Amino acid sequence: MVSAQTTDEELAREAREGQPQAFAALYERYFERVYDFARRIVRDDDEAVDVAQEAFLKAYLAIQRMDAPPASARAWLFSVVHNVAIDRLRRSARGASPTESEAALAQLPASDDPPEALAERRETAALVWRAATALRPQERALLLLHVREGLDAGEIADALGKRRGTVHVMLSRARDAFEDAFASMMLAERGRADCPELAAITAGEALSPALRRRIRRHSEQCEVCSRNRRRFVSPAEILAALAPVPAPPGLRESIARRFGEEPPAAAAGRLGTMAAIAAGLAAIAAIIATVAVFTTRGDEERDTMPPRDPADARSTTHEIGTPSFERVIRVVWSPATDEAPGGAGEIGGYSVEWSNEPDTVPDMVADLPGNATEHESAELADGHWWFHLSTVDAAGNWTRTVHLGRFVIAAEPTPTSIATPEPIDTATPSPTAPAPPPQMTQPIPTATLIPPTTAPPEPTDSPTPWPTWTPTPTPGDDGGGGHGH
């Protein structure tokens, strides 16, 4: 018997055993938060609808095939949504595309605050969401899982199948980048009156990533701006307090009908009979199979078309598998040529990323122009690192990514590790890449590098917040979890 006191894990266990009302209760419990999470990752109304539908269908089918119920049903469910959303962004040529309803993502819960205070809070909330959108989708997704869904790094790592240390690093960097973007925006909006030099820097210029970097560098040298920067409220606190994005009318019932003959009632938490669900599984499986065939066919056709990833990406500063003191790694590759498919006239740019995972896929935002032939990392921490590069053509088609590594950054090298490098780690070019060209004898042309944008951590002192912020309490739900802080 499902009740409000039934835990998520009990519902997951019962759903795995084939009890449809248990999954119905999980669906009712998390529908609004799942849609809010999906909408904030993909930033597109139609895409968010598709993500919510696909995620719940996948979760319903997957939980019945599990050997054991998930340790944390909430973390598992949101990991399904996370994977569906990120996968759709990777497959979409246009990536995340904000729409006219983007303002809905920065709304605050209802409040009785005076009009002036409410207006200030709304302006601050809008800046917080703008800072969140400055993050890459993967960074924003991790931050939302942590801040709004209350999952710690260990839960996220277990649910996504990543190492806990890796997730700790990724979360720390995402939070630093988020707070840095917010602080720069706040200084640009509200700190100019206190600093004539800052006013001159920001005069008549849109708040671009380049301008945010100039503001950050200025604030590191300016005592007034540095003090103001430390007085800002925590943007994570405001991000957690933003009101959930409402789902389109009828979406809840539309998804529910996929599982049974009638939508679940919130009070009873029912999805219909087991027989109705079993009858609908064949249709669902057919839909999934059709999507899989379409995706495979699209990949096969794409394999025969440009662009192609560089076949000879290599480091000029580090040897794979050999520990090094040097924390900045330089990678180069041959320039694209017009004679080969995916030549210079067809390459639109490159997306690059450094990570502690061997198979990370960069986001679909070009970091380098199409004529680039090199990239330098930021200063990397101790550990094992891989370089990842994806190529996009002028039409917006992305490749499957080059993975180069592992590179070992070590504070203290050991004779054994230096004497016995691991030769088996190699660059893995795209399956469609041509054979490596002969050894080049001429210097490789260089391209202008894009400087890293991740800011160093801010001082930990926390004086009286400026401006003030009083988040509106969010009532609890039956799901055993709420927005985390």
Protein backbone atom coordinates (compact mmCIF):
# COMPACT_ATOMS: atom_id res chain seq x y z
CA MET A 1 0.00 0.00 0.00
CA VAL A 2 1.52 3.29 -1.16
CA SER A 3 1.27 6.19 1.26
CA ALA A 4 2.88 9.56 1.82
CA GLN A 5 5.21 7.92 4.35
CA THR A 6 6.52 5.32 1.88
CA THR A 7 10.17 6.09 1.14
CA ASP A 8 11.60 6.51 -2.34
CA GLU A 9 13.68 3.36 -1.90
CA GLU A 10 10.61 1.32 -0.90
CA LEU A 11 8.79 2.59 -3.98
CA ALA A 12 11.78 1.72 -6.18
CA ARG A 13 11.91 -1.79 -4.77
CA GLU A 14 8.19 -2.33 -5.35
CA ALA A 15 8.41 -0.87 -8.88
CA ARG A 16 11.26 -3.28 -9.64
CA GLU A 17 9.03 -6.12 -8.48
CA GLY A 18 6.39 -5.12 -11.03
CA GLN A 19 3.99 -3.02 -8.94
CA PRO A 20 2.86 -0.15 -11.22
CA GLN A 21 1.36 1.94 -8.44
CA ALA A 22 4.83 2.22 -6.87
CA PHE A 23 6.34 3.76 -10.00
CA ALA A 24 3.21 5.93 -10.25
CA ALA A 25 3.98 7.34 -6.82
CA LEU A 26 7.58 8.08 -7.78
CA TYR A 27 6.31 9.75 -10.95
CA GLU A 28 3.88 11.97 -9.03
CA ARG A 29 6.48 12.75 -6.41
CA TYR A 30 9.17 13.93 -8.83
CA PHE A 31 7.42 15.02 -12.04
CA GLU A 32 7.63 18.78 -11.38
CA ARG A 33 11.27 18.66 -10.26
CA VAL A 34 12.31 16.43 -13.15
CA TYR A 35 10.78 18.84 -15.66
CA ASP A 36 12.40 21.83 -13.90
CA PHE A 37 15.79 20.09 -14.00
CA ALA A 38 15.45 19.15 -17.67
CA ARG A 39 14.30 22.64 -18.66
CA ARG A 40 17.26 24.28 -16.93
CA ILE A 41 19.76 22.03 -18.72
CA VAL A 42 18.45 22.21 -22.29
CA ARG A 43 16.98 25.76 -22.01
CA ASP A 44 14.35 24.99 -24.63
CA ASP A 45 10.64 24.32 -24.03
CA ASP A 46 10.15 21.63 -26.67
CA GLU A 47 13.42 19.87 -25.84
CA ALA A 48 12.53 19.83 -22.13
CA VAL A 49 9.20 18.14 -22.90
CA ASP A 50 10.98 15.47 -24.94
CA VAL A 51 13.62 14.95 -22.24
CA ALA A 52 10.99 14.48 -19.50
CA GLN A 53 9.02 11.98 -21.56
CA GLU A 54 12.06 9.97 -22.62
CA ALA A 55 13.58 9.97 -19.13
CA PHE A 56 10.47 8.65 -17.40
CA LEU A 57 9.96 5.95 -20.05
CA LYS A 58 13.59 4.85 -19.75
CA ALA A 59 13.39 4.87 -15.96
CA TYR A 60 10.21 2.78 -15.99
CA LEU A 61 11.72 0.15 -18.30
CA ALA A 62 15.15 0.15 -16.63
CA ILE A 63 14.00 -0.30 -13.05
CA GLN A 64 12.27 -3.58 -13.90
CA ARG A 65 15.50 -4.99 -15.35
CA MET A 66 17.72 -4.08 -12.39
CA ASP A 67 19.39 -6.82 -10.37
CA ALA A 68 18.71 -4.77 -7.24
CA PRO A 69 16.86 -1.51 -6.53
CA PRO A 70 19.01 1.65 -6.51
CA ALA A 71 20.54 2.69 -3.19
CA SER A 72 19.17 6.22 -3.72
CA ALA A 73 16.07 6.28 -5.91
CA ARG A 74 16.18 10.07 -6.17
CA ALA A 75 19.82 10.17 -7.31
CA TRP A 76 19.19 7.34 -9.77
CA LEU A 77 16.12 9.01 -11.29
CA PHE A 78 17.89 12.34 -11.76
CA SER A 79 20.90 10.57 -13.27
CA VAL A 80 18.56 9.16 -15.94
CA VAL A 81 17.25 12.67 -16.67
CA HIS A 82 20.80 14.07 -16.67
CA ASN A 83 22.02 11.49 -19.19
CA VAL A 84 19.03 11.95 -21.51
CA ALA A 85 19.36 15.76 -21.47
CA ILE A 86 23.12 15.83 -22.07
CA ASP A 87 22.82 13.20 -24.79
CA ARG A 88 20.16 15.23 -26.60
CA LEU A 89 22.38 18.32 -26.47
CA ARG A 90 25.27 16.36 -27.93
CA ARG A 91 23.12 15.02 -30.77
CA SER A 92 21.56 18.38 -31.52
CA ALA A 93 23.49 20.52 -33.98
CA ARG A 94 22.22 23.70 -32.37
CA GLY A 95 22.94 22.80 -28.75
CA ALA A 96 21.17 24.72 -25.97
CA SER A 97 19.00 27.48 -27.38
CA PRO A 98 17.35 29.90 -24.97
CA THR A 99 13.78 30.80 -25.91
CA GLU A 100 11.36 33.60 -25.13
CA SER A 101 10.37 31.84 -21.90
CA GLU A 102 13.94 31.96 -20.53
CA ALA A 103 12.78 34.54 -17.96
CA ALA A 104 10.64 31.82 -16.34
CA LEU A 105 13.83 30.16 -15.13
CA ALA A 106 14.72 33.15 -12.93
CA GLN A 107 11.36 33.51 -11.15
CA LEU A 108 11.08 33.67 -7.37
CA PRO A 109 8.36 32.08 -5.21
CA ALA A 110 5.47 34.31 -4.14
CA SER A 111 6.44 36.82 -1.46
CA ASP A 112 4.93 39.56 0.70
CA ASP A 113 8.06 41.72 0.46
CA PRO A 114 7.64 45.47 -0.16
CA PRO A 115 7.73 46.39 -3.86
CA GLU A 116 11.23 47.93 -3.74
CA ALA A 117 12.77 44.95 -1.94
CA LEU A 118 10.99 42.53 -4.24
CA ALA A 119 12.27 44.36 -7.33
CA GLU A 120 15.85 44.17 -6.01
CA ARG A 121 15.49 40.46 -5.26
CA ARG A 122 14.14 39.83 -8.75
CA GLU A 123 17.07 41.67 -10.34
CA THR A 124 19.50 39.63 -8.26
CA ALA A 125 17.73 36.38 -9.18
CA ALA A 126 17.95 37.29 -12.86
CA LEU A 127 21.71 37.83 -12.53
CA VAL A 128 22.06 34.50 -10.72
CA TRP A 129 20.40 32.64 -13.56
CA ARG A 130 22.47 34.53 -16.15
CA ALA A 131 25.57 33.39 -14.27
CA ALA A 132 24.29 29.80 -14.34
CA THR A 133 23.79 29.96 -18.10
CA ALA A 134 27.43 31.05 -18.49
CA LEU A 135 28.44 27.53 -17.42
CA ARG A 136 28.78 24.64 -19.82
CA PRO A 137 25.71 22.35 -19.80
CA GLN A 138 27.59 19.57 -17.97
CA GLU A 139 28.77 22.02 -15.30
CA ARG A 140 25.31 23.53 -14.92
CA ALA A 141 23.74 20.07 -14.62
CA LEU A 142 26.13 19.03 -11.83
CA LEU A 143 25.55 22.30 -9.99
CA LEU A 144 21.77 21.90 -10.23
CA LEU A 145 21.97 18.32 -8.95
CA HIS A 146 23.99 19.52 -5.98
CA VAL A 147 22.33 22.85 -5.16
CA ARG A 148 18.69 22.36 -6.13
CA GLU A 149 18.28 18.61 -5.67
CA GLY A 150 20.47 18.30 -2.59
CA LEU A 151 22.70 15.48 -3.88
CA ASP A 152 26.23 15.35 -2.52
CA ALA A 153 29.28 14.53 -4.64
CA GLY A 154 29.24 10.88 -3.58
CA GLU A 155 25.61 10.39 -4.58
CA ILE A 156 26.18 12.10 -7.93
CA ALA A 157 29.30 10.03 -8.61
CA ASP A 158 27.57 6.75 -7.77
CA ALA A 159 24.51 7.60 -9.88
CA LEU A 160 26.52 8.76 -12.91
CA GLY A 161 29.13 6.02 -12.65
CA LYS A 162 32.07 8.40 -12.12
CA ARG A 163 34.89 8.47 -9.60
CA ARG A 164 34.04 10.46 -6.49
CA GLY A 165 37.25 12.45 -6.64
CA THR A 166 36.49 13.45 -10.21
CA VAL A 167 33.02 14.67 -9.28
CA HIS A 168 34.42 16.61 -6.31
CA VAL A 169 36.82 18.43 -8.67
CA MET A 170 34.13 19.04 -11.29
CA LEU A 171 31.69 20.41 -8.70
CA SER A 172 34.33 22.68 -7.17
CA ARG A 173 35.25 24.13 -10.55
CA ALA A 174 31.62 24.57 -11.58
CA ARG A 175 30.83 26.40 -8.35
CA ASP A 176 33.92 28.62 -8.65
CA ALA A 177 33.04 29.51 -12.25
CA PHE A 178 29.41 30.18 -11.27
CA GLU A 179 30.33 32.45 -8.36
CA ASP A 180 32.95 34.27 -10.45
CA ALA A 181 30.45 34.95 -13.25
CA PHE A 182 27.86 36.19 -10.76
CA ALA A 183 30.34 38.46 -8.97
CA SER A 184 31.49 39.99 -12.25
CA MET A 185 27.90 40.62 -13.29
CA MET A 186 27.05 42.19 -9.94
CA LEU A 187 30.08 44.47 -10.09
CA ALA A 188 29.16 45.53 -13.63
CA GLU A 189 25.57 46.25 -12.60
CA ARG A 190 25.96 47.71 -9.11
CA GLY A 191 29.63 48.42 -8.41
CA ARG A 192 30.37 51.09 -10.99
CA ALA A 193 29.25 53.94 -8.74
CA ASP A 194 31.96 53.00 -6.23
CA CYS A 195 34.83 52.74 -8.72
CA PRO A 196 35.44 55.16 -11.64
CA GLU A 197 37.92 52.75 -13.23
CA LEU A 198 35.33 49.96 -13.25
CA ALA A 199 32.80 52.37 -14.73
CA ALA A 200 35.24 53.14 -17.54
CA ILE A 201 35.89 49.44 -18.19
CA THR A 202 32.19 48.61 -18.49
CA ALA A 203 30.99 51.79 -20.24
CA GLY A 204 28.95 51.07 -23.35
CA GLU A 205 29.96 47.42 -23.63
CA ALA A 206 27.78 44.31 -23.42
CA LEU A 207 28.60 41.90 -20.61
CA SER A 208 30.46 39.30 -22.68
CA PRO A 209 32.77 36.56 -21.33
CA ALA A 210 35.75 38.74 -22.32
CA LEU A 211 34.38 41.69 -20.33
CA ARG A 212 33.73 39.44 -17.32
CA ARG A 213 37.39 38.40 -17.42
CA ARG A 214 38.51 42.05 -17.50
CA ILE A 215 36.24 42.83 -14.55
CA ARG A 216 37.66 39.90 -12.61
CA ARG A 217 41.26 40.96 -13.28
CA HIS A 218 40.40 44.52 -12.25
CA SER A 219 38.73 43.40 -9.02
CA GLU A 220 41.83 41.38 -8.10
CA GLN A 221 43.85 44.61 -8.13
CA CYS A 222 41.24 47.09 -6.90
CA GLU A 223 40.67 47.27 -3.15
CA VAL A 224 37.18 48.79 -3.49
CA CYS A 225 35.92 46.22 -6.02
CA SER A 226 37.57 43.36 -4.17
CA ARG A 227 35.76 44.40 -0.98
CA ASN A 228 32.43 44.76 -2.79
CA ARG A 229 32.91 41.39 -4.46
CA ARG A 230 33.23 39.67 -1.09
CA ARG A 231 30.04 41.33 0.18
CA PHE A 232 27.75 39.70 -2.37
CA VAL A 233 25.19 37.15 -1.29
CA SER A 234 25.80 33.51 -2.16
CA PRO A 235 24.46 32.87 -5.65
CA ALA A 236 24.06 29.17 -4.82
CA GLU A 237 21.56 30.08 -2.10
CA ILE A 238 19.52 32.09 -4.59
CA LEU A 239 19.77 29.38 -7.26
CA ALA A 240 18.33 26.88 -4.79
CA ALA A 241 15.43 29.22 -3.96
CA LEU A 242 14.28 29.87 -7.54
CA ALA A 243 10.73 28.73 -8.22
CA PRO A 244 10.31 25.51 -10.26
CA VAL A 245 9.63 26.05 -13.95
CA PRO A 246 5.98 25.06 -14.58
CA ALA A 247 5.48 22.27 -17.10
CA PRO A 248 3.22 22.86 -20.12
CA PRO A 249 -0.47 22.10 -19.46
CA GLY A 250 -1.32 18.48 -20.06
CA LEU A 251 2.26 17.16 -20.07
CA ARG A 252 1.87 15.31 -16.75
CA GLU A 253 -1.22 13.47 -18.00
CA SER A 254 0.28 12.86 -21.44
CA ILE A 255 3.32 11.07 -20.01
CA ALA A 256 1.18 9.14 -17.53
CA ARG A 257 -0.99 7.75 -20.34
CA ARG A 258 2.09 6.04 -21.74
CA PHE A 259 2.09 3.72 -18.74
CA GLY A 260 -1.61 2.89 -18.49
CA GLU A 261 -5.12 3.61 -19.65
CA GLU A 262 -5.66 6.67 -17.47
CA PRO A 263 -3.49 9.30 -15.77
CA PRO A 264 -2.53 8.81 -12.13
CA ALA A 265 -4.53 10.61 -9.47
CA ALA A 266 -2.33 12.50 -7.05
CA ALA A 267 -4.29 11.21 -4.07
CA ALA A 268 -4.29 7.54 -5.03
CA GLY A 269 -0.99 7.54 -6.91
CA ARG A 270 -2.19 5.01 -9.50
CA LEU A 271 -1.16 4.57 -13.12
CA GLY A 272 -3.78 1.97 -14.08
CA THR A 273 -3.58 -1.80 -14.05
CA MET A 274 -0.52 -3.94 -14.61
CA ALA A 275 -2.20 -5.46 -17.64
CA ALA A 276 -2.61 -2.07 -19.27
CA ILE A 277 1.05 -1.27 -18.68
CA ALA A 278 2.17 -4.63 -20.09
CA ALA A 279 0.04 -4.03 -23.18
CA GLY A 280 1.68 -0.66 -23.71
CA LEU A 281 5.27 -1.90 -23.33
CA ALA A 282 5.34 -3.37 -26.84
CA ALA A 283 4.46 0.00 -28.33
CA ILE A 284 7.06 1.73 -26.16
CA ALA A 285 9.72 -0.80 -27.17
CA ALA A 286 8.83 -0.24 -30.82
CA ILE A 287 9.25 3.51 -30.38
CA ILE A 288 12.63 3.06 -28.69
CA ALA A 289 13.75 0.62 -31.41
CA THR A 290 12.70 3.08 -34.11
CA VAL A 291 14.66 5.87 -32.44
CA ALA A 292 17.69 3.59 -32.13
CA VAL A 293 17.55 2.63 -35.82
CA PHE A 294 17.17 6.27 -36.84
CA THR A 295 20.10 7.31 -34.65
CA THR A 296 22.30 4.50 -36.00
CA ARG A 297 21.41 5.32 -39.57
CA GLY A 298 22.16 8.98 -38.91
CA ASP A 299 25.57 8.03 -37.49
CA GLU A 300 26.34 5.82 -40.50
CA GLU A 301 25.45 8.55 -42.95
CA ARG A 302 27.39 11.07 -40.92
CA ASP A 303 30.46 8.78 -41.00
CA THR A 304 30.69 9.30 -44.76
CA MET A 305 30.46 13.08 -44.52
CA PRO A 306 32.76 15.84 -43.30
CA PRO A 307 34.06 17.01 -40.97
CA ARG A 308 36.82 14.73 -39.71
CA ASP A 309 38.76 15.01 -36.47
CA PRO A 310 42.54 15.59 -36.70
CA ALA A 311 44.32 12.25 -37.02
CA ASP A 312 47.65 13.34 -35.51
CA ALA A 313 46.84 15.23 -32.30
CA ARG A 314 49.89 15.04 -30.05
CA SER A 315 51.57 16.91 -27.22
CA THR A 316 54.79 18.85 -27.72
CA THR A 317 55.39 19.28 -23.98
CA HIS A 318 54.49 15.96 -22.34
CA GLU A 319 54.85 12.25 -23.03
CA ILE A 320 51.85 10.01 -22.50
CA GLY A 321 52.15 7.99 -19.30
CA THR A 322 55.27 9.79 -18.06
CA PRO A 323 54.95 11.94 -14.90
CA SER A 324 55.83 15.60 -15.34
CA PHE A 325 56.28 18.67 -13.17
CA GLU A 326 54.90 20.91 -15.91
CA ARG A 327 51.25 21.70 -15.25
CA VAL A 328 50.44 23.29 -18.63
CA ILE A 329 50.09 20.81 -21.51
CA ARG A 330 50.36 21.91 -25.14
CA VAL A 331 48.63 19.84 -27.84
CA VAL A 332 49.06 20.39 -31.58
CA TRP A 333 47.59 18.89 -34.73
CA SER A 334 48.02 19.34 -38.47
CA PRO A 335 45.96 22.02 -40.18
CA ALA A 336 42.95 20.89 -42.21
CA THR A 337 43.51 20.96 -45.97
CA ASP A 338 41.10 21.65 -48.79
CA GLU A 339 42.15 18.46 -50.58
CA ALA A 340 40.73 16.12 -47.92
CA PRO A 341 37.13 15.76 -46.76
CA GLY A 342 36.57 18.03 -43.84
CA GLY A 343 39.11 20.45 -45.20
CA ALA A 344 39.86 24.00 -44.10
CA GLY A 345 36.89 25.38 -45.97
CA GLU A 346 34.50 23.06 -44.11
CA ILE A 347 35.84 23.15 -40.54
CA GLY A 348 33.80 25.52 -38.40
CA GLY A 349 35.77 25.14 -35.17
CA TYR A 350 36.83 22.87 -32.36
CA SER A 351 35.43 22.21 -28.88
CA VAL A 352 38.11 21.11 -26.40
CA GLU A 353 38.08 19.89 -22.82
CA TRP A 354 40.53 18.51 -20.25
CA SER A 355 39.20 15.95 -17.78
CA ASN A 356 40.18 13.09 -15.48
CA GLU A 357 38.07 10.68 -17.54
CA PRO A 358 39.30 8.98 -20.74
CA ASP A 359 36.02 9.25 -22.67
CA THR A 360 34.65 12.72 -21.89
CA VAL A 361 32.84 14.42 -24.78
CA PRO A 362 33.22 18.23 -24.97
CA ASP A 363 30.13 20.39 -25.21
CA MET A 364 28.93 21.64 -28.58
CA VAL A 365 30.33 25.15 -28.28
CA ALA A 366 33.39 25.93 -30.41
CA ASP A 367 36.32 27.04 -28.23
CA LEU A 368 38.76 27.39 -31.15
CA PRO A 369 38.35 28.62 -34.75
CA GLY A 370 38.50 26.25 -37.71
CA ASN A 371 42.08 27.23 -38.59
CA ALA A 372 43.42 26.43 -35.10
CA THR A 373 46.24 23.90 -34.85
CA GLU A 374 47.11 23.98 -31.15
CA HIS A 375 45.72 24.35 -27.64
CA GLU A 376 47.23 24.85 -24.20
CA SER A 377 45.59 23.70 -21.01
CA ALA A 378 45.19 25.78 -17.91
CA GLU A 379 47.42 24.81 -14.97
CA LEU A 380 46.34 21.26 -14.12
CA ALA A 381 46.25 19.69 -10.65
CA ASP A 382 48.09 16.50 -9.75
CA GLY A 383 46.54 13.45 -11.36
CA HIS A 384 45.81 11.76 -14.66
CA TRP A 385 44.45 13.94 -17.48
CA TRP A 386 43.02 13.40 -20.93
CA PHE A 387 42.60 15.90 -23.77
CA HIS A 388 39.33 15.72 -25.73
CA LEU A 389 38.65 17.48 -29.04
CA SER A 390 35.49 17.53 -31.18
CA THR A 391 35.25 19.13 -34.62
CA VAL A 392 32.28 20.99 -36.11
CA ASP A 393 31.72 21.90 -39.74
CA ALA A 394 30.09 25.01 -41.15
CA ALA A 395 26.69 23.27 -41.14
CA GLY A 396 26.88 22.52 -37.41
CA ASN A 397 27.68 18.78 -37.64
CA TRP A 398 29.91 17.47 -34.85
CA THR A 399 32.37 14.57 -34.88
CA ARG A 400 32.83 11.82 -32.33
CA THR A 401 35.89 13.27 -30.56
CA VAL A 402 39.61 12.61 -30.26
CA HIS A 403 40.76 11.42 -26.82
CA LEU A 404 44.48 11.89 -26.07
CA GLY A 405 46.14 10.68 -22.88
CA ARG A 406 46.76 9.84 -20.26
CA PHE A 407 49.03 12.67 -19.16
CA VAL A 408 50.40 12.38 -15.63
CA ILE A 409 50.90 15.52 -13.55
CA ALA A 410 52.85 14.67 -10.39
CA ALA A 411 54.33 16.86 -7.66
CA GLU A 412 56.97 14.26 -6.79
CA PRO A 413 58.13 11.92 -9.57
CA THR A 414 59.29 8.43 -8.67
CA PRO A 415 62.16 6.63 -10.46
CA THR A 416 59.96 3.63 -11.13
CA SER A 417 57.14 5.61 -12.69
CA ILE A 418 59.54 7.57 -14.88
CA ALA A 419 61.45 4.50 -15.99
CA THR A 420 58.36 2.54 -16.92
CA PRO A 421 55.96 4.71 -18.90
CA GLU A 422 52.76 3.10 -20.02
CA PRO A 423 52.99 2.81 -23.82
CA ILE A 424 49.50 1.41 -24.23
CA ASP A 425 47.78 4.80 -23.75
CA THR A 426 47.40 6.40 -27.16
CA ALA A 427 45.35 8.99 -28.93
CA THR A 428 42.07 7.55 -30.13
CA PRO A 429 40.97 9.52 -33.20
CA SER A 430 37.50 9.54 -34.61
CA PRO A 431 36.54 6.21 -36.26
CA THR A 432 36.15 8.19 -39.48
CA ALA A 433 39.56 9.87 -39.34
CA PRO A 434 42.11 9.30 -42.16
CA ALA A 435 45.42 7.59 -41.55
CA PRO A 436 48.10 9.73 -39.83
CA PRO A 437 50.17 11.78 -42.31
CA PRO A 438 53.96 11.36 -42.62
CA GLN A 439 56.18 13.09 -40.12
CA MET A 440 56.12 16.81 -40.79
CA THR A 441 59.40 18.65 -41.25
CA GLN A 442 58.04 22.18 -41.20
CA PRO A 443 56.86 23.96 -38.06
CA ILE A 444 53.14 23.72 -37.50
CA PRO A 445 51.31 27.05 -37.85
CA THR A 446 49.99 28.34 -34.59
CA ALA A 447 46.61 29.77 -33.77
CA THR A 448 45.60 32.36 -31.25
CA LEU A 449 44.77 30.56 -28.04
CA ILE A 450 41.66 31.31 -26.06
CA PRO A 451 42.64 31.94 -22.43
CA PRO A 452 40.98 29.80 -19.74
CA THR A 453 37.99 31.36 -18.09
CA THR A 454 37.92 29.49 -14.79
CA ALA A 455 38.65 31.92 -11.98
CA PRO A 456 40.69 31.13 -8.84
CA PRO A 457 38.73 30.55 -5.63
CA GLU A 458 37.61 33.65 -3.79
CA PRO A 459 38.70 34.44 -0.20
CA THR A 460 36.73 32.53 2.38
CA ASP A 461 35.93 35.48 4.64
CA SER A 462 32.27 36.37 4.54
CA PRO A 463 31.40 39.90 5.79
CA THR A 464 27.87 41.23 5.95
CA PRO A 465 26.10 40.29 2.67
CA TRP A 466 25.48 43.03 0.13
CA PRO A 467 22.78 43.28 -1.10
CA THR A 468 20.64 41.50 1.47
CA TRP A 469 18.85 38.32 0.52
CA THR A 470 16.05 36.56 2.36
CA PRO A 471 15.04 33.38 0.49
CA THR A 472 11.42 32.41 0.64
CA PRO A 473 10.99 29.06 2.49
CA THR A 474 9.91 26.29 0.16
CA PRO A 475 7.35 23.90 1.67
CA GLY A 476 8.47 20.26 1.84
CA ASP A 477 7.03 17.55 -0.34
CA ASP A 478 6.37 13.88 0.01
CA GLY A 479 9.54 12.93 -1.78
CA GLY A 480 11.84 12.94 1.18
CA GLY A 481 14.13 15.45 -0.48
CA GLY A 482 13.74 19.17 -1.40
CA HIS A 483 16.00 21.70 -2.90
CA GLY A 484 19.38 21.43 -1.27
CA HIS A 485 21.53 24.31 -0.08
